[in-house]
Protein backbone atom coordinates (compact mmCIF):
# COMPACT_ATOMS: atom_id res chain seq x y z
CA MET A 1 -0.01 0.02 0.02
CA VAL A 2 2.85 2.41 0.84
CA LEU A 3 4.45 1.86 -2.51
CA ARG A 4 1.19 2.08 -4.39
CA GLU A 5 -0.08 5.24 -2.70
CA ASN A 6 3.40 6.81 -2.28
CA THR A 7 2.52 8.01 1.21
CA ALA A 8 2.62 6.77 4.79
CA HIS A 9 1.78 7.77 8.34
CA CYS A 10 4.07 6.94 11.27
CA LEU A 11 2.89 3.29 11.71
CA GLU A 12 2.82 2.58 7.99
CA GLY A 13 6.28 4.06 7.56
CA ALA A 14 7.70 2.00 10.40
CA ILE A 15 6.17 -1.23 9.04
CA PHE A 16 7.49 -0.39 5.58
CA ALA A 17 10.96 0.21 7.07
CA ALA A 18 10.78 -3.08 9.00
CA ALA A 19 10.02 -4.91 5.73
CA ALA A 20 12.98 -3.19 4.05
CA LEU A 21 15.24 -4.08 7.00
CA ARG A 22 14.08 -7.72 6.78
CA VAL A 23 14.92 -7.85 3.03
CA ASN A 24 18.40 -6.55 3.94
CA GLY A 25 19.06 -9.25 6.53
CA PHE A 26 17.89 -7.52 9.73
CA GLU A 27 15.08 -8.65 12.05
CA PRO A 28 11.81 -6.76 11.31
CA LEU A 29 11.49 -5.00 14.71
CA LEU A 30 9.14 -2.28 15.80
CA LEU A 31 9.37 -0.19 18.95
CA ASP A 32 6.48 1.92 20.30
CA LEU A 33 7.13 5.28 21.97
CA GLU A 34 4.19 6.04 24.28
CA ALA A 35 3.04 9.59 24.90
CA VAL A 36 0.56 11.56 27.02
CA ARG A 37 -1.72 14.19 25.43
CA ASP A 38 -0.23 13.15 22.12
CA THR A 39 -0.08 10.19 19.71
CA ASP A 40 2.33 7.35 20.10
CA HIS A 41 5.24 7.07 17.67
CA VAL A 42 6.42 3.80 16.12
CA LEU A 43 10.02 3.15 15.04
CA ALA A 44 11.57 0.38 12.97
CA VAL A 45 14.63 -0.48 15.04
CA TYR A 46 17.75 -2.41 14.17
CA GLN A 47 21.10 -3.39 15.57
CA TYR A 48 24.41 -2.91 13.83
CA ASP A 49 27.62 -3.93 15.58
CA GLY A 50 25.67 -4.31 18.84
CA HIS A 51 24.23 -0.74 18.75
CA TRP A 52 20.65 0.35 18.14
CA GLY A 53 19.39 2.64 15.38
CA ALA A 54 15.94 3.51 14.10
CA ILE A 55 14.05 4.44 10.99
CA ALA A 56 10.87 6.41 11.40
CA LYS A 57 8.43 8.62 9.48
CA SER A 58 7.16 11.77 11.17
CA ASN A 59 5.93 15.23 10.34
CA PHE A 60 8.16 16.44 13.19
CA SER A 61 11.73 16.69 11.94
CA GLY A 62 13.34 15.47 15.15
CA LEU A 63 11.41 12.19 15.31
CA ARG A 64 12.90 10.46 12.25
CA PHE A 65 16.08 8.44 11.65
CA ARG A 66 18.66 7.59 14.28
CA GLU A 67 22.15 6.26 13.53
CA PRO A 68 22.96 2.89 15.12
CA VAL A 69 25.09 4.36 17.99
CA TYR A 70 22.89 3.73 21.02
CA ARG A 71 23.96 1.01 23.46
CA THR A 72 20.48 0.29 24.81
CA LEU A 73 16.91 0.72 23.67
CA ARG A 74 16.39 3.17 26.55
CA GLU A 75 19.21 5.33 25.22
CA LEU A 76 17.59 5.24 21.79
CA ALA A 77 14.19 6.12 23.16
CA MET A 78 15.64 8.99 25.23
CA SER A 79 17.23 10.42 22.08
CA TYR A 80 13.68 11.33 21.04
CA PHE A 81 12.70 12.99 24.27
CA ASP A 82 13.49 16.64 23.55
CA ASN A 83 11.97 16.51 20.10
CA TYR A 84 8.83 14.67 21.18
CA TYR A 85 6.19 17.29 21.85
CA ASN A 86 2.62 18.17 20.93
CA LEU A 87 1.40 21.26 19.13
CA LEU A 88 1.07 23.07 22.51
CA GLY A 89 4.81 22.63 23.03
CA GLU A 90 4.36 20.16 25.86
CA ARG A 91 7.03 17.43 26.10
CA THR A 92 4.93 14.27 25.90
CA LEU A 93 7.18 11.18 25.59
CA ARG A 94 6.73 8.90 28.62
CA ALA A 95 7.54 5.26 27.88
CA PHE A 96 8.83 2.75 25.33
CA SER A 97 7.97 -0.85 24.48
CA ARG A 98 10.20 -3.82 24.03
CA PRO A 99 10.92 -4.58 20.33
CA VAL A 100 8.22 -6.52 18.58
CA ASN A 101 9.43 -8.88 15.88
CA LEU A 102 6.94 -8.69 13.04
CA LYS A 103 7.73 -12.31 12.13
CA ARG A 104 5.03 -13.14 14.65
CA PHE A 105 2.55 -11.83 11.99
CA ASP A 106 3.97 -13.63 8.98
CA HIS A 107 0.85 -15.87 8.90
CA LEU A 108 -1.17 -12.67 8.22
CA GLN A 109 1.09 -11.64 5.31
CA TRP A 110 1.93 -8.33 6.91
CA ILE A 111 4.42 -7.43 4.18
CA THR A 112 2.19 -7.99 1.13
CA THR A 113 -1.42 -7.82 2.24
CA ASP A 114 -3.76 -5.06 1.03
CA ASN A 115 -5.77 -5.40 4.23
CA PRO A 116 -5.33 -2.88 7.06
CA LEU A 117 -2.64 -3.83 9.61
CA TRP A 118 -4.50 -2.79 12.72
CA PHE A 119 -3.44 -6.01 14.43
CA VAL A 120 0.08 -4.58 14.63
CA ALA A 121 -1.12 -1.33 16.19
CA GLU A 122 -3.32 -3.19 18.65
CA HIS A 123 -0.46 -5.43 19.67
CA LEU A 124 1.80 -2.42 20.22
CA CYS A 125 -0.90 -0.81 22.43
CA ASP A 126 -1.38 -4.00 24.45
CA ILE A 127 2.25 -4.76 25.39
CA THR A 128 4.06 -3.52 28.44
CA HIS A 129 5.88 -0.19 28.19
CA THR A 130 8.80 0.93 30.34
CA PRO A 131 8.65 4.46 31.82
CA LEU A 132 11.34 6.89 30.76
CA ILE A 133 10.84 9.51 33.48
CA THR A 134 9.52 9.64 37.04
CA PRO A 135 6.35 11.42 38.13
CA LEU A 136 8.49 14.06 39.85
CA GLN A 137 10.46 14.65 36.67
CA GLU A 138 7.20 14.89 34.73
CA LYS A 139 5.96 17.69 37.05
CA ARG A 140 9.12 19.68 36.34
CA LEU A 141 9.01 19.54 32.55
CA THR A 142 9.06 22.84 30.71
CA ARG A 143 7.37 23.65 27.41
CA LEU A 144 9.41 24.09 24.30
CA ASP A 145 10.48 27.60 23.45
CA LYS A 146 8.96 29.08 20.27
CA ARG A 147 12.08 28.78 18.19
CA ALA A 148 12.64 25.08 18.97
CA HIS A 149 8.93 24.41 18.39
CA ALA A 150 9.06 26.08 14.98
CA ALA A 151 12.28 24.25 14.02
CA GLY A 152 10.72 20.89 14.84
CA LEU A 153 7.78 21.65 12.59
CA THR A 154 9.94 22.31 9.53
CA GLY A 155 8.14 20.46 6.73
CA TYR A 156 5.11 19.75 8.96
CA SER A 157 1.95 18.78 7.11
CA LYS A 158 -1.55 18.49 8.61
CA HIS A 159 -2.45 15.84 6.01
C-alpha cells in the first residue's frame, strides 16, 4: 500500500521500514514510543555492531532516523525525548515498548497484504511499556520555546 499510494503515516512508515530491513538481513523489529496528550510514535529499530538505530516517518523533523550508535533501547528512546512534543509545546514522551518482531505476524502476510494492519497497532498498544521519566520529573518539565517548536515543525503537514 505504501508503494502504491506513495505516502505513509508513522505506523505505515515503520512497518514499511521493517520490511525493508528484513529484506536486507535484519530482524523486522518495531518499537513503540508512548506519549501523554499526544499520539504514540512507532520506530523500525535495528542493531548494527551491537548498537541500536531507528528508521521512522514523522511530520516532526526530530522524530525520524537515528544512527545505530545507542547501546540500549532506553538510550535510543531517550534520544527522541527533547523532540517529542505536541502542538502546544508540551514534552509528551513517557515510555517505550520492548521490540516486537513482526515475524510473529507472517501468517497474516503483513508485508504484502492489502488489508489494514490494525493487528500490529493493537499489539503495540497492548504490550508493556517501560517508563522513561519519574512522576516528579514529569511535574518539572518545561514547554518548548517558540524557536525550537518552529524548528521541529519544519516540513510539517496536517495531512
